[in-house]
């Protein structure tokens, strides 16, 4: 999979981004293992290393499981969003994302 630098950020991302809303209860409503398997397939077989999510999607568990099963690859870039309205709520939202994905930081 060809990769590009995202704007002026210096972050290298795959040309395709896996939008995880499609895995969620709002779309396909996939079971945890099926969602995890799709993410692993996208990365290992298709080279898709840019994954988009949001707290609202409720896909952190599947993403975290996939990352852990693959040994937390360094080249996967996670983009996430929160609809927190206060600083304190945003801190809680970011902490929830980091814990759920077993990561020290989120790239975007």
PDB file of N, CA and C in Angstrom:
ATOM      1  N   UNK A   1       0.848  -1.175   0.000  1.00  0.00           N
ATOM      2  CA  UNK A   1       0.000   0.000   0.000  1.00  0.00           C
ATOM      3  C   UNK A   1       0.895   1.240   0.000  1.00  0.00           C
ATOM      4  N   UNK A   2       0.640   2.111  -0.919  1.00  0.00           N
ATOM      5  CA  UNK A   2       1.380   3.366  -0.974  1.00  0.00           C
ATOM      6  C   UNK A   2       1.032   4.205   0.258  1.00  0.00           C
ATOM      7  N   UNK A   3       2.028   4.941   0.751  1.00  0.00           N
ATOM      8  CA  UNK A   3       1.820   5.806   1.912  1.00  0.00           C
ATOM      9  C   UNK A   3       2.094   7.255   1.532  1.00  0.00           C
ATOM     10  N   UNK A   4       1.480   8.154   2.260  1.00  0.00           N
ATOM     11  CA  UNK A   4       1.651   9.590   2.067  1.00  0.00           C
ATOM     12  C   UNK A   4       1.895  10.252   3.417  1.00  0.00           C
ATOM     13  N   UNK A   5       2.512  11.425   3.369  1.00  0.00           N
ATOM     14  CA  UNK A   5       2.654  12.238   4.573  1.00  0.00           C
ATOM     15  C   UNK A   5       1.385  13.075   4.704  1.00  0.00           C
ATOM     16  N   UNK A   6       0.809  13.071   5.887  1.00  0.00           N
ATOM     17  CA  UNK A   6      -0.444  13.767   6.144  1.00  0.00           C
ATOM     18  C   UNK A   6      -0.172  15.255   6.371  1.00  0.00           C
ATOM     19  N   UNK A   7      -0.457  16.042   5.360  1.00  0.00           N
ATOM     20  CA  UNK A   7      -0.260  17.493   5.454  1.00  0.00           C
ATOM     21  C   UNK A   7       1.157  17.845   5.853  1.00  0.00           C
ATOM     22  N   UNK A   8       1.283  18.774   6.787  1.00  0.00           N
ATOM     23  CA  UNK A   8       2.589  19.193   7.285  1.00  0.00           C
ATOM     24  C   UNK A   8       2.926  18.527   8.619  1.00  0.00           C
ATOM     25  N   UNK A   9       2.149  17.514   8.992  1.00  0.00           N
ATOM     26  CA  UNK A   9       2.309  16.864  10.294  1.00  0.00           C
ATOM     27  C   UNK A   9       3.542  15.974  10.379  1.00  0.00           C
ATOM     28  N   UNK A  10       3.992  15.473   9.245  1.00  0.00           N
ATOM     29  CA  UNK A  10       5.078  14.500   9.241  1.00  0.00           C
ATOM     30  C   UNK A  10       4.608  13.083   9.521  1.00  0.00           C
ATOM     31  N   UNK A  11       3.314  12.901   9.720  1.00  0.00           N
ATOM     32  CA  UNK A  11       2.754  11.579  10.011  1.00  0.00           C
ATOM     33  C   UNK A  11       2.529  10.845   8.692  1.00  0.00           C
ATOM     34  N   UNK A  12       3.139   9.647   8.593  1.00  0.00           N
ATOM     35  CA  UNK A  12       2.992   8.835   7.385  1.00  0.00           C
ATOM     36  C   UNK A  12       1.782   7.919   7.532  1.00  0.00           C
ATOM     37  N   UNK A  13       0.877   7.989   6.559  1.00  0.00           N
ATOM     38  CA  UNK A  13      -0.351   7.197   6.596  1.00  0.00           C
ATOM     39  C   UNK A  13      -0.528   6.446   5.284  1.00  0.00           C
ATOM     40  N   UNK A  14      -1.231   5.320   5.357  1.00  0.00           N
ATOM     41  CA  UNK A  14      -1.574   4.599   4.132  1.00  0.00           C
ATOM     42  C   UNK A  14      -2.559   5.447   3.333  1.00  0.00           C
ATOM     43  N   UNK A  15      -2.566   5.265   2.008  1.00  0.00           N
ATOM     44  CA  UNK A  15      -3.466   6.048   1.154  1.00  0.00           C
ATOM     45  C   UNK A  15      -4.925   5.811   1.515  1.00  0.00           C
ATOM     46  N   UNK A  16      -5.230   4.629   1.963  1.00  0.00           N
ATOM     47  CA  UNK A  16      -6.584   4.329   2.400  1.00  0.00           C
ATOM     48  C   UNK A  16      -6.651   4.371   3.916  1.00  0.00           C
ATOM     49  N   UNK A  17      -7.748   4.879   4.404  1.00  0.00           N
ATOM     50  CA  UNK A  17      -7.995   4.919   5.843  1.00  0.00           C
ATOM     51  C   UNK A  17      -9.157   3.975   6.131  1.00  0.00           C
ATOM     52  N   UNK A  18      -9.010   3.160   7.166  1.00  0.00           N
ATOM     53  CA  UNK A  18     -10.094   2.257   7.556  1.00  0.00           C
ATOM     54  C   UNK A  18     -11.007   3.015   8.511  1.00  0.00           C
ATOM     55  N   UNK A  19     -12.189   3.349   8.049  1.00  0.00           N
ATOM     56  CA  UNK A  19     -13.183   4.013   8.888  1.00  0.00           C
ATOM     57  C   UNK A  19     -13.942   2.990   9.701  1.00  0.00           C
ATOM     58  N   UNK A  20     -13.709   2.974  10.998  1.00  0.00           N
ATOM     59  CA  UNK A  20     -14.261   1.901  11.833  1.00  0.00           C
ATOM     60  C   UNK A  20     -15.729   2.086  12.190  1.00  0.00           C
ATOM     61  N   UNK A  21     -16.342   3.190  11.770  1.00  0.00           N
ATOM     62  CA  UNK A  21     -17.783   3.338  11.987  1.00  0.00           C
ATOM     63  C   UNK A  21     -18.528   2.173  11.339  1.00  0.00           C
ATOM     64  N   UNK A  22     -18.003   1.681  10.215  1.00  0.00           N
ATOM     65  CA  UNK A  22     -18.652   0.565   9.508  1.00  0.00           C
ATOM     66  C   UNK A  22     -18.724  -0.706  10.355  1.00  0.00           C
ATOM     67  N   UNK A  23     -17.845  -0.843  11.347  1.00  0.00           N
ATOM     68  CA  UNK A  23     -17.846  -2.014  12.218  1.00  0.00           C
ATOM     69  C   UNK A  23     -18.861  -1.889  13.355  1.00  0.00           C
ATOM     70  N   UNK A  24     -19.288  -0.698  13.619  1.00  0.00           N
ATOM     71  CA  UNK A  24     -20.008  -0.353  14.848  1.00  0.00           C
ATOM     72  C   UNK A  24     -21.473  -0.785  14.859  1.00  0.00           C
ATOM     73  N   UNK A  25     -22.091  -0.563  15.996  1.00  0.00           N
ATOM     74  CA  UNK A  25     -23.519  -0.840  16.163  1.00  0.00           C
ATOM     75  C   UNK A  25     -24.361   0.041  15.250  1.00  0.00           C
ATOM     76  N   UNK A  26     -23.786   1.101  14.728  1.00  0.00           N
ATOM     77  CA  UNK A  26     -24.512   2.036  13.863  1.00  0.00           C
ATOM     78  C   UNK A  26     -24.508   1.603  12.403  1.00  0.00           C
ATOM     79  N   UNK A  27     -23.720   0.595  12.076  1.00  0.00           N
ATOM     80  CA  UNK A  27     -23.660   0.092  10.696  1.00  0.00           C
ATOM     81  C   UNK A  27     -23.759  -1.429  10.701  1.00  0.00           C
ATOM     82  N   UNK A  28     -22.646  -2.130  10.577  1.00  0.00           N
ATOM     83  CA  UNK A  28     -22.659  -3.590  10.448  1.00  0.00           C
ATOM     84  C   UNK A  28     -22.942  -4.310  11.759  1.00  0.00           C
ATOM     85  N   UNK A  29     -22.668  -3.643  12.888  1.00  0.00           N
ATOM     86  CA  UNK A  29     -22.878  -4.243  14.211  1.00  0.00           C
ATOM     87  C   UNK A  29     -22.171  -5.595  14.325  1.00  0.00           C
ATOM     88  N   UNK A  30     -20.895  -5.605  13.923  1.00  0.00           N
ATOM     89  CA  UNK A  30     -20.126  -6.849  13.944  1.00  0.00           C
ATOM     90  C   UNK A  30     -19.780  -7.273  15.366  1.00  0.00           C
ATOM     91  N   UNK A  31     -19.702  -8.555  15.556  1.00  0.00           N
ATOM     92  CA  UNK A  31     -19.223  -9.091  16.828  1.00  0.00           C
ATOM     93  C   UNK A  31     -17.747  -8.730  16.981  1.00  0.00           C
ATOM     94  N   UNK A  32     -17.288  -8.703  18.210  1.00  0.00           N
ATOM     95  CA  UNK A  32     -15.929  -8.269  18.523  1.00  0.00           C
ATOM     96  C   UNK A  32     -14.871  -9.015  17.706  1.00  0.00           C
ATOM     97  N   UNK A  33     -14.947 -10.332  17.666  1.00  0.00           N
ATOM     98  CA  UNK A  33     -13.939 -11.123  16.943  1.00  0.00           C
ATOM     99  C   UNK A  33     -13.949 -10.834  15.447  1.00  0.00           C
ATOM    100  N   UNK A  34     -15.127 -10.669  14.863  1.00  0.00           N
ATOM    101  CA  UNK A  34     -15.226 -10.390  13.428  1.00  0.00           C
ATOM    102  C   UNK A  34     -14.640  -9.020  13.109  1.00  0.00           C
ATOM    103  N   UNK A  35     -14.937  -8.030  13.935  1.00  0.00           N
ATOM    104  CA  UNK A  35     -14.396  -6.687  13.732  1.00  0.00           C
ATOM    105  C   UNK A  35     -12.874  -6.695  13.867  1.00  0.00           C
ATOM    106  N   UNK A  36     -12.386  -7.387  14.869  1.00  0.00           N
ATOM    107  CA  UNK A  36     -10.946  -7.520  15.088  1.00  0.00           C
ATOM    108  C   UNK A  36     -10.276  -8.184  13.888  1.00  0.00           C
ATOM    109  N   UNK A  37     -10.863  -9.260  13.392  1.00  0.00           N
ATOM    110  CA  UNK A  37     -10.300  -9.978  12.247  1.00  0.00           C
ATOM    111  C   UNK A  37     -10.242  -9.096  11.000  1.00  0.00           C
ATOM    112  N   UNK A  38     -11.251  -8.269  10.778  1.00  0.00           N
ATOM    113  CA  UNK A  38     -11.246  -7.376   9.620  1.00  0.00           C
ATOM    114  C   UNK A  38     -10.122  -6.348   9.715  1.00  0.00           C
ATOM    115  N   UNK A  39      -9.927  -5.796  10.896  1.00  0.00           N
ATOM    116  CA  UNK A  39      -8.850  -4.822  11.077  1.00  0.00           C
ATOM    117  C   UNK A  39      -7.481  -5.465  10.855  1.00  0.00           C
ATOM    118  N   UNK A  40      -7.301  -6.647  11.392  1.00  0.00           N
ATOM    119  CA  UNK A  40      -6.032  -7.360  11.204  1.00  0.00           C
ATOM    120  C   UNK A  40      -5.830  -7.671   9.721  1.00  0.00           C
ATOM    121  N   UNK A  41      -6.860  -8.108   9.041  1.00  0.00           N
ATOM    122  CA  UNK A  41      -6.769  -8.396   7.609  1.00  0.00           C
ATOM    123  C   UNK A  41      -6.417  -7.119   6.825  1.00  0.00           C
ATOM    124  N   UNK A  42      -7.063  -6.024   7.144  1.00  0.00           N
ATOM    125  CA  UNK A  42      -6.796  -4.764   6.447  1.00  0.00           C
ATOM    126  C   UNK A  42      -5.333  -4.361   6.580  1.00  0.00           C
ATOM    127  N   UNK A  43      -4.777  -4.582   7.753  1.00  0.00           N
ATOM    128  CA  UNK A  43      -3.376  -4.204   7.989  1.00  0.00           C
ATOM    129  C   UNK A  43      -2.405  -5.219   7.384  1.00  0.00           C
ATOM    130  N   UNK A  44      -2.573  -6.484   7.714  1.00  0.00           N
ATOM    131  CA  UNK A  44      -1.579  -7.482   7.313  1.00  0.00           C
ATOM    132  C   UNK A  44      -1.654  -7.857   5.838  1.00  0.00           C
ATOM    133  N   UNK A  45      -2.849  -7.845   5.266  1.00  0.00           N
ATOM    134  CA  UNK A  45      -3.003  -8.281   3.871  1.00  0.00           C
ATOM    135  C   UNK A  45      -3.170  -7.139   2.875  1.00  0.00           C
ATOM    136  N   UNK A  46      -3.609  -5.985   3.351  1.00  0.00           N
ATOM    137  CA  UNK A  46      -3.860  -4.867   2.440  1.00  0.00           C
ATOM    138  C   UNK A  46      -2.986  -3.650   2.725  1.00  0.00           C
ATOM    139  N   UNK A  47      -2.284  -3.647   3.851  1.00  0.00           N
ATOM    140  CA  UNK A  47      -1.388  -2.543   4.171  1.00  0.00           C
ATOM    141  C   UNK A  47      -2.074  -1.289   4.664  1.00  0.00           C
ATOM    142  N   UNK A  48      -3.316  -1.407   5.087  1.00  0.00           N
ATOM    143  CA  UNK A  48      -4.049  -0.236   5.581  1.00  0.00           C
ATOM    144  C   UNK A  48      -3.654  -0.006   7.039  1.00  0.00           C
ATOM    145  N   UNK A  49      -2.858   1.028   7.232  1.00  0.00           N
ATOM    146  CA  UNK A  49      -2.301   1.302   8.565  1.00  0.00           C
ATOM    147  C   UNK A  49      -2.806   2.611   9.148  1.00  0.00           C
ATOM    148  N   UNK A  50      -3.838   3.183   8.562  1.00  0.00           N
ATOM    149  CA  UNK A  50      -4.453   4.421   9.036  1.00  0.00           C
ATOM    150  C   UNK A  50      -5.893   4.084   9.386  1.00  0.00           C
ATOM    151  N   UNK A  51      -6.210   4.141  10.673  1.00  0.00           N
ATOM    152  CA  UNK A  51      -7.532   3.750  11.147  1.00  0.00           C
ATOM    153  C   UNK A  51      -8.212   4.937  11.815  1.00  0.00           C
ATOM    154  N   UNK A  52      -9.433   5.201  11.398  1.00  0.00           N
ATOM    155  CA  UNK A  52     -10.213   6.302  11.950  1.00  0.00           C
ATOM    156  C   UNK A  52     -11.296   5.762  12.881  1.00  0.00           C
ATOM    157  N   UNK A  53     -11.463   6.427  14.010  1.00  0.00           N
ATOM    158  CA  UNK A  53     -12.485   6.030  14.966  1.00  0.00           C
ATOM    159  C   UNK A  53     -12.987   7.263  15.713  1.00  0.00           C
ATOM    160  N   UNK A  54     -13.903   7.059  16.597  1.00  0.00           N
ATOM    161  CA  UNK A  54     -14.404   8.096  17.494  1.00  0.00           C
ATOM    162  C   UNK A  54     -14.998   7.402  18.709  1.00  0.00           C
ATOM    163  N   UNK A  55     -14.971   8.091  19.811  1.00  0.00           N
ATOM    164  CA  UNK A  55     -15.532   7.508  21.029  1.00  0.00           C
ATOM    165  C   UNK A  55     -16.978   7.073  20.801  1.00  0.00           C
ATOM    166  N   UNK A  56     -17.715   7.863  20.061  1.00  0.00           N
ATOM    167  CA  UNK A  56     -19.121   7.590  19.783  1.00  0.00           C
ATOM    168  C   UNK A  56     -19.347   6.268  19.043  1.00  0.00           C
ATOM    169  N   UNK A  57     -18.375   5.846  18.236  1.00  0.00           N
ATOM    170  CA  UNK A  57     -18.531   4.625  17.432  1.00  0.00           C
ATOM    171  C   UNK A  57     -18.569   3.348  18.283  1.00  0.00           C
ATOM    172  N   UNK A  58     -17.969   3.415  19.464  1.00  0.00           N
ATOM    173  CA  UNK A  58     -17.891   2.246  20.345  1.00  0.00           C
ATOM    174  C   UNK A  58     -17.099   1.109  19.687  1.00  0.00           C
ATOM    175  N   UNK A  59     -16.009   1.462  19.010  1.00  0.00           N
ATOM    176  CA  UNK A  59     -15.166   0.463  18.344  1.00  0.00           C
ATOM    177  C   UNK A  59     -13.798   0.332  19.004  1.00  0.00           C
ATOM    178  N   UNK A  60     -13.564   1.046  20.087  1.00  0.00           N
ATOM    179  CA  UNK A  60     -12.255   0.985  20.747  1.00  0.00           C
ATOM    180  C   UNK A  60     -11.882  -0.431  21.150  1.00  0.00           C
ATOM    181  N   UNK A  61     -12.851  -1.200  21.614  1.00  0.00           N
ATOM    182  CA  UNK A  61     -12.541  -2.556  22.075  1.00  0.00           C
ATOM    183  C   UNK A  61     -12.010  -3.412  20.929  1.00  0.00           C
ATOM    184  N   UNK A  62     -12.634  -3.344  19.763  1.00  0.00           N
ATOM    185  CA  UNK A  62     -12.179  -4.127  18.607  1.00  0.00           C
ATOM    186  C   UNK A  62     -10.813  -3.649  18.129  1.00  0.00           C
ATOM    187  N   UNK A  63     -10.612  -2.347  18.097  1.00  0.00           N
ATOM    188  CA  UNK A  63      -9.325  -1.801  17.669  1.00  0.00           C
ATOM    189  C   UNK A  63      -8.234  -2.212  18.646  1.00  0.00           C
ATOM    190  N   UNK A  64      -8.514  -2.075  19.931  1.00  0.00           N
ATOM    191  CA  UNK A  64      -7.536  -2.460  20.946  1.00  0.00           C
ATOM    192  C   UNK A  64      -7.174  -3.928  20.863  1.00  0.00           C
ATOM    193  N   UNK A  65      -8.161  -4.777  20.657  1.00  0.00           N
ATOM    194  CA  UNK A  65      -7.906  -6.214  20.540  1.00  0.00           C
ATOM    195  C   UNK A  65      -7.041  -6.504  19.313  1.00  0.00           C
ATOM    196  N   UNK A  66      -7.360  -5.875  18.188  1.00  0.00           N
ATOM    197  CA  UNK A  66      -6.569  -6.079  16.966  1.00  0.00           C
ATOM    198  C   UNK A  66      -5.129  -5.610  17.172  1.00  0.00           C
ATOM    199  N   UNK A  67      -4.959  -4.437  17.751  1.00  0.00           N
ATOM    200  CA  UNK A  67      -3.606  -3.925  18.006  1.00  0.00           C
ATOM    201  C   UNK A  67      -2.823  -4.867  18.909  1.00  0.00           C
ATOM    202  N   UNK A  68      -3.460  -5.342  19.958  1.00  0.00           N
ATOM    203  CA  UNK A  68      -2.779  -6.254  20.890  1.00  0.00           C
ATOM    204  C   UNK A  68      -2.429  -7.586  20.229  1.00  0.00           C
ATOM    205  N   UNK A  69      -3.338  -8.136  19.421  1.00  0.00           N
ATOM    206  CA  UNK A  69      -3.066  -9.408  18.739  1.00  0.00           C
ATOM    207  C   UNK A  69      -1.890  -9.279  17.776  1.00  0.00           C
ATOM    208  N   UNK A  70      -1.699  -8.074  17.237  1.00  0.00           N
ATOM    209  CA  UNK A  70      -0.602  -7.851  16.288  1.00  0.00           C
ATOM    210  C   UNK A  70       0.654  -7.323  16.967  1.00  0.00           C
ATOM    211  N   UNK A  71       0.630  -7.202  18.283  1.00  0.00           N
ATOM    212  CA  UNK A  71       1.804  -6.733  19.009  1.00  0.00           C
ATOM    213  C   UNK A  71       2.017  -5.230  18.954  1.00  0.00           C
ATOM    214  N   UNK A  72       0.944  -4.463  18.814  1.00  0.00           N
ATOM    215  CA  UNK A  72       1.000  -2.995  18.790  1.00  0.00           C
ATOM    216  C   UNK A  72       1.987  -2.461  17.733  1.00  0.00           C
ATOM    217  N   UNK A  73       1.733  -2.716  16.446  1.00  0.00           N
ATOM    218  CA  UNK A  73       2.648  -2.234  15.403  1.00  0.00           C
ATOM    219  C   UNK A  73       2.857  -0.725  15.476  1.00  0.00           C
ATOM    220  N   UNK A  74       4.088  -0.303  15.288  1.00  0.00           N
ATOM    221  CA  UNK A  74       4.436   1.119  15.379  1.00  0.00           C
ATOM    222  C   UNK A  74       3.885   1.947  14.232  1.00  0.00           C
ATOM    223  N   UNK A  75       3.611   1.326  13.101  1.00  0.00           N
ATOM    224  CA  UNK A  75       3.223   2.113  11.930  1.00  0.00           C
ATOM    225  C   UNK A  75       1.716   2.311  11.774  1.00  0.00           C
ATOM    226  N   UNK A  76       0.916   1.805  12.695  1.00  0.00           N
ATOM    227  CA  UNK A  76      -0.523   2.055  12.620  1.00  0.00           C
ATOM    228  C   UNK A  76      -0.809   3.416  13.230  1.00  0.00           C
ATOM    229  N   UNK A  77      -1.495   4.249  12.452  1.00  0.00           N
ATOM    230  CA  UNK A  77      -1.858   5.601  12.874  1.00  0.00           C
ATOM    231  C   UNK A  77      -3.343   5.600  13.217  1.00  0.00           C
ATOM    232  N   UNK A  78      -3.653   6.051  14.423  1.00  0.00           N
ATOM    233  CA  UNK A  78      -5.033   6.121  14.892  1.00  0.00           C
ATOM    234  C   UNK A  78      -5.483   7.579  14.917  1.00  0.00           C
ATOM    235  N   UNK A  79      -6.633   7.809  14.318  1.00  0.00           N
ATOM    236  CA  UNK A  79      -7.291   9.111  14.381  1.00  0.00           C
ATOM    237  C   UNK A  79      -8.591   8.905  15.157  1.00  0.00           C
ATOM    238  N   UNK A  80      -8.792   9.684  16.200  1.00  0.00           N
ATOM    239  CA  UNK A  80     -10.009   9.537  16.995  1.00  0.00           C
ATOM    240  C   UNK A  80     -10.583  10.909  17.332  1.00  0.00           C
ATOM    241  N   UNK A  81     -11.854  10.902  17.655  1.00  0.00           N
ATOM    242  CA  UNK A  81     -12.550  12.133  18.026  1.00  0.00           C
ATOM    243  C   UNK A  81     -13.379  11.916  19.279  1.00  0.00           C
ATOM    244  N   UNK A  82     -13.674  13.042  19.896  1.00  0.00           N
ATOM    245  CA  UNK A  82     -14.548  13.045  21.058  1.00  0.00           C
ATOM    246  C   UNK A  82     -15.503  14.224  20.920  1.00  0.00           C
ATOM    247  N   UNK A  83     -16.651  14.092  21.511  1.00  0.00           N
ATOM    248  CA  UNK A  83     -17.607  15.187  21.509  1.00  0.00           C
ATOM    249  C   UNK A  83     -17.691  15.821  22.895  1.00  0.00           C
ATOM    250  N   UNK A  84     -16.623  15.693  23.655  1.00  0.00           N
ATOM    251  CA  UNK A  84     -16.558  16.285  24.995  1.00  0.00           C
ATOM    252  C   UNK A  84     -16.720  17.803  24.883  1.00  0.00           C
ATOM    253  N   UNK A  85     -17.420  18.364  25.846  1.00  0.00           N
ATOM    254  CA  UNK A  85     -17.683  19.807  25.813  1.00  0.00           C
ATOM    255  C   UNK A  85     -16.837  20.590  26.804  1.00  0.00           C
ATOM    256  N   UNK A  86     -16.179  19.888  27.712  1.00  0.00           N
ATOM    257  CA  UNK A  86     -15.341  20.577  28.693  1.00  0.00           C
ATOM    258  C   UNK A  86     -13.944  19.970  28.673  1.00  0.00           C
ATOM    259  N   UNK A  87     -13.007  20.705  29.214  1.00  0.00           N
ATOM    260  CA  UNK A  87     -11.627  20.232  29.302  1.00  0.00           C
ATOM    261  C   UNK A  87     -11.564  18.932  30.101  1.00  0.00           C
ATOM    262  N   UNK A  88     -12.240  18.912  31.245  1.00  0.00           N
ATOM    263  CA  UNK A  88     -12.208  17.712  32.093  1.00  0.00           C
ATOM    264  C   UNK A  88     -12.815  16.498  31.382  1.00  0.00           C
ATOM    265  N   UNK A  89     -13.904  16.723  30.661  1.00  0.00           N
ATOM    266  CA  UNK A  89     -14.512  15.617  29.924  1.00  0.00           C
ATOM    267  C   UNK A  89     -13.604  15.136  28.798  1.00  0.00           C
ATOM    268  N   UNK A  90     -12.863  16.075  28.194  1.00  0.00           N
ATOM    269  CA  UNK A  90     -11.933  15.685  27.126  1.00  0.00           C
ATOM    270  C   UNK A  90     -10.791  14.847  27.700  1.00  0.00           C
ATOM    271  N   UNK A  91     -10.309  15.213  28.867  1.00  0.00           N
ATOM    272  CA  UNK A  91      -9.262  14.416  29.524  1.00  0.00           C
ATOM    273  C   UNK A  91      -9.771  12.994  29.754  1.00  0.00           C
ATOM    274  N   UNK A  92     -10.991  12.858  30.245  1.00  0.00           N
ATOM    275  CA  UNK A  92     -11.573  11.532  30.463  1.00  0.00           C
ATOM    276  C   UNK A  92     -11.720  10.771  29.149  1.00  0.00           C
ATOM    277  N   UNK A  93     -12.119  11.464  28.107  1.00  0.00           N
ATOM    278  CA  UNK A  93     -12.293  10.846  26.799  1.00  0.00           C
ATOM    279  C   UNK A  93     -10.969  10.336  26.240  1.00  0.00           C
ATOM    280  N   UNK A  94      -9.923  11.154  26.318  1.00  0.00           N
ATOM    281  CA  UNK A  94      -8.606  10.752  25.832  1.00  0.00           C
ATOM    282  C   UNK A  94      -8.081   9.577  26.653  1.00  0.00           C
ATOM    283  N   UNK A  95      -8.236   9.652  27.967  1.00  0.00           N
ATOM    284  CA  UNK A  95      -7.800   8.548  28.826  1.00  0.00           C
ATOM    285  C   UNK A  95      -8.520   7.249  28.480  1.00  0.00           C
ATOM    286  N   UNK A  96      -9.821   7.331  28.215  1.00  0.00           N
ATOM    287  CA  UNK A  96     -10.597   6.154  27.834  1.00  0.00           C
ATOM    288  C   UNK A  96     -10.051   5.559  26.541  1.00  0.00           C
ATOM    289  N   UNK A  97      -9.760   6.408  25.570  1.00  0.00           N
ATOM    290  CA  UNK A  97      -9.216   5.938  24.294  1.00  0.00           C
ATOM    291  C   UNK A  97      -7.873   5.248  24.508  1.00  0.00           C
ATOM    292  N   UNK A  98      -6.977   5.894  25.226  1.00  0.00           N
ATOM    293  CA  UNK A  98      -5.641   5.331  25.446  1.00  0.00           C
ATOM    294  C   UNK A  98      -5.701   3.989  26.171  1.00  0.00           C
ATOM    295  N   UNK A  99      -6.522   3.912  27.214  1.00  0.00           N
ATOM    296  CA  UNK A  99      -6.658   2.657  27.960  1.00  0.00           C
ATOM    297  C   UNK A  99      -7.262   1.554  27.087  1.00  0.00           C
ATOM    298  N   UNK A 100      -8.315   1.903  26.365  1.00  0.00           N
ATOM    299  CA  UNK A 100      -9.000   0.917  25.541  1.00  0.00           C
ATOM    300  C   UNK A 100      -8.110   0.359  24.434  1.00  0.00           C
ATOM    301  N   UNK A 101      -7.235   1.206  23.881  1.00  0.00           N
ATOM    302  CA  UNK A 101      -6.372   0.779  22.794  1.00  0.00           C
ATOM    303  C   UNK A 101      -5.012   0.306  23.290  1.00  0.00           C
ATOM    304  N   UNK A 102      -4.786   0.404  24.603  1.00  0.00           N
ATOM    305  CA  UNK A 102      -3.511   0.019  25.210  1.00  0.00           C
ATOM    306  C   UNK A 102      -2.335   0.758  24.544  1.00  0.00           C
ATOM    307  N   UNK A 103      -2.545   2.059  24.379  1.00  0.00           N
ATOM    308  CA  UNK A 103      -1.516   2.895  23.744  1.00  0.00           C
ATOM    309  C   UNK A 103      -1.099   4.013  24.680  1.00  0.00           C
ATOM    310  N   UNK A 104       0.089   4.549  24.441  1.00  0.00           N
ATOM    311  CA  UNK A 104       0.589   5.680  25.222  1.00  0.00           C
ATOM    312  C   UNK A 104       0.175   7.010  24.601  1.00  0.00           C
ATOM    313  N   UNK A 105      -0.085   6.984  23.288  1.00  0.00           N
ATOM    314  CA  UNK A 105      -0.557   8.204  22.638  1.00  0.00           C
ATOM    315  C   UNK A 105      -1.397   7.833  21.414  1.00  0.00           C
ATOM    316  N   UNK A 106      -2.178   8.784  20.997  1.00  0.00           N
ATOM    317  CA  UNK A 106      -2.972   8.672  19.782  1.00  0.00           C
ATOM    318  C   UNK A 106      -2.393   9.697  18.816  1.00  0.00           C
ATOM    319  N   UNK A 107      -2.136   9.280  17.616  1.00  0.00           N
ATOM    320  CA  UNK A 107      -1.455  10.147  16.660  1.00  0.00           C
ATOM    321  C   UNK A 107      -2.306  11.354  16.259  1.00  0.00           C
ATOM    322  N   UNK A 108      -3.590  11.142  16.063  1.00  0.00           N
ATOM    323  CA  UNK A 108      -4.471  12.250  15.637  1.00  0.00           C
ATOM    324  C   UNK A 108      -5.731  12.211  16.477  1.00  0.00           C
TER     325      UNK A 108
END
